[in-house]
């Protein structure tokens, strides 16, 4: 009986030591996962910046296309066409909301609305 108790105590101690050894390894694993996921998101952003148009990428507006109102939020969305970049890449056109246009190119938005009202 005493021998069994000693074995149980020894197993508990061994288990605690194993857990202490595993904690730094698990922490390192989670840090590696975080690093790799942030690297992936950075690569995705770089790929997006090469193809998708946006003022944040230094693109200029060619013109604002049609506008639609979304049902869920009632937000007005505009289809934006971008000018060709100096490196020859034509950025992807995309839908943007009115806040985005007001923040980055209010003149183009005002010109678009003025033409629609005439």
N, C-alpha and C. Protein backbone atom coordinates (compact mmCIF):
# COMPACT_ATOMS: atom_id res chain seq x y z
N UNK A 1 0.82 -1.19 0.00
CA UNK A 1 0.00 0.00 0.00
C UNK A 1 0.87 1.26 0.00
N UNK A 2 1.89 1.23 0.88
CA UNK A 2 2.78 2.37 0.98
C UNK A 2 3.55 2.55 -0.33
N UNK A 3 3.92 1.45 -0.93
CA UNK A 3 4.64 1.48 -2.20
C UNK A 3 3.77 2.11 -3.30
N UNK A 4 2.50 1.78 -3.30
CA UNK A 4 1.57 2.35 -4.29
C UNK A 4 1.43 3.85 -4.08
N UNK A 5 1.36 4.29 -2.83
CA UNK A 5 1.26 5.72 -2.54
C UNK A 5 2.50 6.46 -3.03
N UNK A 6 3.66 5.86 -2.81
CA UNK A 6 4.91 6.47 -3.27
C UNK A 6 4.94 6.57 -4.80
N UNK A 7 4.44 5.53 -5.45
CA UNK A 7 4.39 5.55 -6.92
C UNK A 7 3.44 6.65 -7.42
N UNK A 8 2.31 6.79 -6.74
CA UNK A 8 1.34 7.83 -7.12
C UNK A 8 1.95 9.21 -6.93
N UNK A 9 2.62 9.43 -5.79
CA UNK A 9 3.27 10.71 -5.53
C UNK A 9 4.34 10.98 -6.59
N UNK A 10 5.09 9.95 -6.93
CA UNK A 10 6.14 10.08 -7.95
C UNK A 10 5.53 10.42 -9.32
N UNK A 11 4.41 9.78 -9.65
CA UNK A 11 3.73 10.07 -10.92
C UNK A 11 3.21 11.51 -10.95
N UNK A 12 2.67 11.96 -9.82
CA UNK A 12 2.17 13.34 -9.75
C UNK A 12 3.32 14.32 -9.94
N UNK A 13 4.43 14.08 -9.27
CA UNK A 13 5.60 14.96 -9.40
C UNK A 13 6.13 14.97 -10.83
N UNK A 14 6.19 13.80 -11.45
CA UNK A 14 6.65 13.70 -12.83
C UNK A 14 5.72 14.47 -13.76
N UNK A 15 4.43 14.33 -13.52
CA UNK A 15 3.44 15.03 -14.33
C UNK A 15 3.60 16.55 -14.21
N UNK A 16 3.81 17.03 -12.98
CA UNK A 16 4.00 18.47 -12.77
C UNK A 16 5.26 18.96 -13.47
N UNK A 17 6.32 18.18 -13.41
CA UNK A 17 7.56 18.57 -14.09
C UNK A 17 7.36 18.61 -15.61
N UNK A 18 6.62 17.65 -16.13
CA UNK A 18 6.34 17.62 -17.57
C UNK A 18 5.55 18.85 -17.99
N UNK A 19 4.58 19.23 -17.16
CA UNK A 19 3.78 20.41 -17.49
C UNK A 19 4.64 21.66 -17.49
N UNK A 20 5.56 21.76 -16.52
CA UNK A 20 6.45 22.92 -16.46
C UNK A 20 7.35 22.97 -17.70
N UNK A 21 7.79 21.81 -18.15
CA UNK A 21 8.63 21.75 -19.35
C UNK A 21 7.84 22.11 -20.60
N UNK A 22 6.58 21.71 -20.63
CA UNK A 22 5.75 21.94 -21.82
C UNK A 22 5.32 23.39 -21.96
N UNK A 23 5.16 24.11 -20.84
CA UNK A 23 4.66 25.49 -20.91
C UNK A 23 5.51 26.38 -21.82
N UNK A 24 6.84 26.42 -21.65
CA UNK A 24 7.63 27.26 -22.56
C UNK A 24 7.51 26.81 -24.02
N UNK A 25 7.43 25.50 -24.24
CA UNK A 25 7.30 24.99 -25.61
C UNK A 25 5.97 25.45 -26.21
N UNK A 26 4.89 25.34 -25.44
CA UNK A 26 3.58 25.78 -25.93
C UNK A 26 3.58 27.28 -26.20
N UNK A 27 4.25 28.04 -25.32
CA UNK A 27 4.32 29.48 -25.52
C UNK A 27 5.09 29.80 -26.81
N UNK A 28 6.20 29.10 -27.03
CA UNK A 28 6.97 29.30 -28.26
C UNK A 28 6.14 28.96 -29.48
N UNK A 29 5.37 27.87 -29.41
CA UNK A 29 4.50 27.48 -30.52
C UNK A 29 3.49 28.57 -30.83
N UNK A 30 2.86 29.11 -29.78
CA UNK A 30 1.84 30.14 -30.02
C UNK A 30 2.47 31.40 -30.59
N UNK A 31 3.70 31.73 -30.14
CA UNK A 31 4.40 32.89 -30.70
C UNK A 31 4.73 32.67 -32.17
N UNK A 32 5.17 31.45 -32.52
CA UNK A 32 5.48 31.14 -33.91
C UNK A 32 4.24 31.23 -34.78
N UNK A 33 3.11 30.73 -34.26
CA UNK A 33 1.85 30.79 -35.01
C UNK A 33 1.46 32.24 -35.23
N UNK A 34 1.58 33.08 -34.20
CA UNK A 34 1.24 34.50 -34.34
C UNK A 34 2.13 35.17 -35.37
N UNK A 35 3.44 34.88 -35.32
CA UNK A 35 4.36 35.48 -36.28
C UNK A 35 4.02 35.06 -37.71
N UNK A 36 3.75 33.78 -37.92
CA UNK A 36 3.47 33.31 -39.27
C UNK A 36 2.15 33.86 -39.78
N UNK A 37 1.15 34.00 -38.90
CA UNK A 37 -0.13 34.55 -39.36
C UNK A 37 -0.01 36.03 -39.68
N UNK A 38 0.81 36.78 -38.91
CA UNK A 38 0.99 38.19 -39.23
C UNK A 38 1.78 38.35 -40.52
N UNK A 39 2.75 37.45 -40.76
CA UNK A 39 3.49 37.49 -42.03
C UNK A 39 2.56 37.20 -43.20
N UNK A 40 1.65 36.23 -43.02
CA UNK A 40 0.70 35.89 -44.08
C UNK A 40 -0.21 37.07 -44.38
N UNK A 41 -0.73 37.73 -43.33
CA UNK A 41 -1.63 38.85 -43.57
C UNK A 41 -0.89 40.00 -44.25
N UNK A 42 0.39 40.17 -43.91
CA UNK A 42 1.19 41.19 -44.57
C UNK A 42 1.37 40.86 -46.05
N UNK A 43 1.62 39.59 -46.37
CA UNK A 43 1.76 39.18 -47.77
C UNK A 43 0.46 39.39 -48.53
N UNK A 44 -0.67 39.06 -47.89
CA UNK A 44 -1.97 39.25 -48.53
C UNK A 44 -2.19 40.72 -48.82
N UNK A 45 -1.83 41.60 -47.86
CA UNK A 45 -1.97 43.04 -48.06
C UNK A 45 -1.10 43.50 -49.22
N UNK A 46 0.13 42.97 -49.29
CA UNK A 46 1.02 43.35 -50.39
C UNK A 46 0.44 42.93 -51.73
N UNK A 47 -0.11 41.72 -51.80
CA UNK A 47 -0.72 41.23 -53.03
C UNK A 47 -1.91 42.10 -53.39
N UNK A 48 -2.73 42.43 -52.38
CA UNK A 48 -3.90 43.27 -52.61
C UNK A 48 -3.47 44.63 -53.15
N UNK A 49 -2.42 45.20 -52.55
CA UNK A 49 -1.98 46.53 -52.97
C UNK A 49 -1.49 46.53 -54.41
N UNK A 50 -1.03 45.39 -54.90
CA UNK A 50 -0.56 45.33 -56.27
C UNK A 50 -1.72 45.31 -57.26
N UNK A 51 -2.86 44.75 -56.86
CA UNK A 51 -3.95 44.60 -57.81
C UNK A 51 -5.16 45.48 -57.50
N UNK A 52 -5.50 45.63 -56.23
CA UNK A 52 -6.71 46.38 -55.90
C UNK A 52 -6.41 47.87 -55.82
N UNK A 53 -7.30 48.67 -56.36
CA UNK A 53 -7.11 50.10 -56.33
C UNK A 53 -7.53 50.70 -55.00
N UNK A 54 -6.90 51.81 -54.64
CA UNK A 54 -7.26 52.50 -53.40
C UNK A 54 -6.41 53.74 -53.22
N UNK A 55 -7.00 54.75 -52.59
CA UNK A 55 -6.25 55.98 -52.33
C UNK A 55 -5.05 55.69 -51.44
N UNK A 56 -5.23 54.70 -50.53
CA UNK A 56 -4.13 54.37 -49.61
C UNK A 56 -2.93 53.76 -50.34
N UNK A 57 -3.12 53.35 -51.60
CA UNK A 57 -2.01 52.82 -52.40
C UNK A 57 -1.48 53.88 -53.37
N UNK A 58 -1.98 55.10 -53.25
CA UNK A 58 -1.53 56.18 -54.12
C UNK A 58 -2.25 56.26 -55.45
N UNK A 59 -3.35 55.52 -55.59
CA UNK A 59 -4.09 55.53 -56.86
C UNK A 59 -4.93 56.80 -56.99
N UNK A 60 -5.15 57.18 -58.24
CA UNK A 60 -5.98 58.35 -58.54
C UNK A 60 -7.27 57.89 -59.19
N UNK A 61 -8.31 58.68 -58.97
CA UNK A 61 -9.64 58.34 -59.48
C UNK A 61 -9.74 58.66 -60.97
N UNK A 62 -10.23 57.71 -61.74
CA UNK A 62 -10.55 57.96 -63.15
C UNK A 62 -11.95 58.56 -63.20
N UNK A 63 -12.90 57.83 -62.60
CA UNK A 63 -14.26 58.36 -62.46
C UNK A 63 -15.06 57.52 -61.48
N UNK A 64 -16.16 58.09 -61.03
CA UNK A 64 -17.07 57.37 -60.15
C UNK A 64 -18.19 56.84 -61.03
N UNK A 65 -18.40 55.54 -60.97
CA UNK A 65 -19.44 54.91 -61.78
C UNK A 65 -20.79 54.97 -61.09
N UNK A 66 -21.58 53.91 -61.23
CA UNK A 66 -22.92 53.92 -60.67
C UNK A 66 -22.91 53.88 -59.15
N UNK A 67 -24.02 54.33 -58.56
CA UNK A 67 -24.17 54.31 -57.10
C UNK A 67 -25.35 53.42 -56.75
N UNK A 68 -25.25 52.73 -55.63
CA UNK A 68 -26.36 51.91 -55.13
C UNK A 68 -26.50 52.14 -53.63
N UNK A 69 -27.70 51.87 -53.14
CA UNK A 69 -27.94 51.98 -51.71
C UNK A 69 -28.09 50.56 -51.17
N UNK A 70 -27.31 50.23 -50.15
CA UNK A 70 -27.39 48.88 -49.58
C UNK A 70 -28.64 48.75 -48.73
N UNK A 71 -29.24 47.57 -48.78
CA UNK A 71 -30.49 47.34 -48.04
C UNK A 71 -30.25 47.28 -46.54
N UNK A 72 -29.18 46.58 -46.12
CA UNK A 72 -28.95 46.35 -44.69
C UNK A 72 -28.74 47.66 -43.93
N UNK A 73 -27.76 48.43 -44.37
CA UNK A 73 -27.38 49.63 -43.62
C UNK A 73 -27.93 50.91 -44.24
N UNK A 74 -28.44 50.83 -45.46
CA UNK A 74 -28.90 52.03 -46.15
C UNK A 74 -27.73 52.91 -46.58
N UNK A 75 -26.55 52.32 -46.63
CA UNK A 75 -25.34 53.05 -46.98
C UNK A 75 -25.23 53.18 -48.49
N UNK A 76 -24.76 54.33 -48.96
CA UNK A 76 -24.60 54.53 -50.39
C UNK A 76 -23.21 54.04 -50.81
N UNK A 77 -23.19 53.20 -51.85
CA UNK A 77 -21.93 52.64 -52.35
C UNK A 77 -21.74 53.12 -53.79
N UNK A 78 -20.51 53.48 -54.12
CA UNK A 78 -20.17 53.96 -55.46
C UNK A 78 -19.16 53.01 -56.10
N UNK A 79 -19.34 52.80 -57.40
CA UNK A 79 -18.38 51.98 -58.13
C UNK A 79 -17.28 52.90 -58.64
N UNK A 80 -16.06 52.65 -58.21
CA UNK A 80 -14.95 53.55 -58.50
C UNK A 80 -14.03 52.94 -59.55
N UNK A 81 -13.68 53.72 -60.55
CA UNK A 81 -12.73 53.30 -61.58
C UNK A 81 -11.43 54.07 -61.38
N UNK A 82 -10.32 53.36 -61.38
CA UNK A 82 -9.02 53.95 -61.07
C UNK A 82 -8.21 54.21 -62.34
N UNK A 83 -7.35 55.23 -62.26
CA UNK A 83 -6.43 55.52 -63.36
C UNK A 83 -5.31 54.47 -63.39
N UNK A 84 -4.73 54.30 -64.57
CA UNK A 84 -3.59 53.38 -64.72
C UNK A 84 -2.41 53.93 -63.91
N UNK A 85 -1.71 53.05 -63.24
CA UNK A 85 -0.55 53.45 -62.44
C UNK A 85 0.65 53.72 -63.34
N UNK A 86 1.63 54.41 -62.78
CA UNK A 86 2.84 54.75 -63.56
C UNK A 86 3.63 53.50 -63.96
N UNK A 87 3.47 52.40 -63.21
CA UNK A 87 4.17 51.16 -63.56
C UNK A 87 3.39 50.32 -64.57
N UNK A 88 2.27 50.85 -65.06
CA UNK A 88 1.50 50.17 -66.10
C UNK A 88 0.38 49.27 -65.60
N UNK A 89 0.33 49.02 -64.29
CA UNK A 89 -0.73 48.17 -63.73
C UNK A 89 -2.03 48.96 -63.66
N UNK A 90 -3.10 48.33 -64.09
CA UNK A 90 -4.43 48.94 -63.97
C UNK A 90 -5.07 48.36 -62.71
N UNK A 91 -5.29 49.20 -61.69
CA UNK A 91 -5.88 48.68 -60.44
C UNK A 91 -7.31 48.19 -60.65
N UNK A 92 -7.68 47.19 -59.84
CA UNK A 92 -9.04 46.65 -59.89
C UNK A 92 -10.03 47.71 -59.42
N UNK A 93 -11.10 47.85 -60.17
CA UNK A 93 -12.18 48.74 -59.75
C UNK A 93 -12.91 48.10 -58.58
N UNK A 94 -13.57 48.90 -57.76
CA UNK A 94 -14.26 48.32 -56.61
C UNK A 94 -15.37 49.23 -56.12
N UNK A 95 -16.22 48.67 -55.26
CA UNK A 95 -17.28 49.43 -54.62
C UNK A 95 -16.73 50.06 -53.35
N UNK A 96 -17.01 51.35 -53.16
CA UNK A 96 -16.60 52.03 -51.92
C UNK A 96 -17.79 52.80 -51.37
N UNK A 97 -17.81 53.00 -50.06
CA UNK A 97 -18.92 53.75 -49.47
C UNK A 97 -18.65 55.25 -49.54
N UNK A 98 -19.69 56.02 -49.30
CA UNK A 98 -19.58 57.47 -49.43
C UNK A 98 -18.59 58.07 -48.43
N UNK A 99 -18.51 57.49 -47.23
CA UNK A 99 -17.55 58.00 -46.24
C UNK A 99 -16.12 57.89 -46.75
N UNK A 100 -15.81 56.79 -47.41
CA UNK A 100 -14.47 56.57 -47.96
C UNK A 100 -14.15 57.65 -48.99
N UNK A 101 -15.11 57.93 -49.87
CA UNK A 101 -14.88 58.95 -50.89
C UNK A 101 -14.78 60.35 -50.28
N UNK A 102 -15.64 60.63 -49.30
CA UNK A 102 -15.58 61.95 -48.65
C UNK A 102 -14.24 62.15 -47.96
N UNK A 103 -13.74 61.09 -47.35
CA UNK A 103 -12.47 61.18 -46.63
C UNK A 103 -11.29 61.39 -47.58
N UNK A 104 -11.31 60.72 -48.72
CA UNK A 104 -10.13 60.72 -49.60
C UNK A 104 -10.24 61.65 -50.81
N UNK A 105 -11.42 61.81 -51.38
CA UNK A 105 -11.54 62.65 -52.58
C UNK A 105 -12.93 63.28 -52.64
N UNK A 106 -13.15 64.24 -51.75
CA UNK A 106 -14.47 64.88 -51.68
C UNK A 106 -14.79 65.65 -52.95
N UNK A 107 -13.76 66.18 -53.63
CA UNK A 107 -14.00 66.93 -54.87
C UNK A 107 -14.63 66.04 -55.93
N UNK A 108 -14.08 64.84 -56.10
CA UNK A 108 -14.61 63.91 -57.10
C UNK A 108 -16.05 63.52 -56.77
N UNK A 109 -16.34 63.32 -55.49
CA UNK A 109 -17.70 62.95 -55.08
C UNK A 109 -18.66 64.10 -55.34
N UNK A 110 -18.25 65.33 -55.01
CA UNK A 110 -19.11 66.50 -55.24
C UNK A 110 -19.36 66.69 -56.74
N UNK A 111 -18.32 66.51 -57.54
CA UNK A 111 -18.46 66.64 -58.99
C UNK A 111 -19.43 65.60 -59.53
N UNK A 112 -19.32 64.38 -59.04
CA UNK A 112 -20.22 63.29 -59.44
C UNK A 112 -21.67 63.64 -59.10
N UNK A 113 -21.90 64.09 -57.87
CA UNK A 113 -23.26 64.42 -57.42
C UNK A 113 -23.81 65.61 -58.20
N UNK A 114 -22.97 66.59 -58.48
CA UNK A 114 -23.40 67.76 -59.24
C UNK A 114 -23.86 67.34 -60.64
N UNK A 115 -23.10 66.47 -61.29
CA UNK A 115 -23.47 65.98 -62.63
C UNK A 115 -24.79 65.22 -62.59
N UNK A 116 -25.01 64.44 -61.52
CA UNK A 116 -26.25 63.66 -61.39
C UNK A 116 -27.46 64.56 -61.21
N UNK A 117 -27.27 65.71 -60.57
CA UNK A 117 -28.39 66.62 -60.31
C UNK A 117 -28.75 67.46 -61.53
N UNK A 118 -27.86 67.57 -62.49
CA UNK A 118 -28.14 68.40 -63.68
C UNK A 118 -29.01 67.68 -64.68
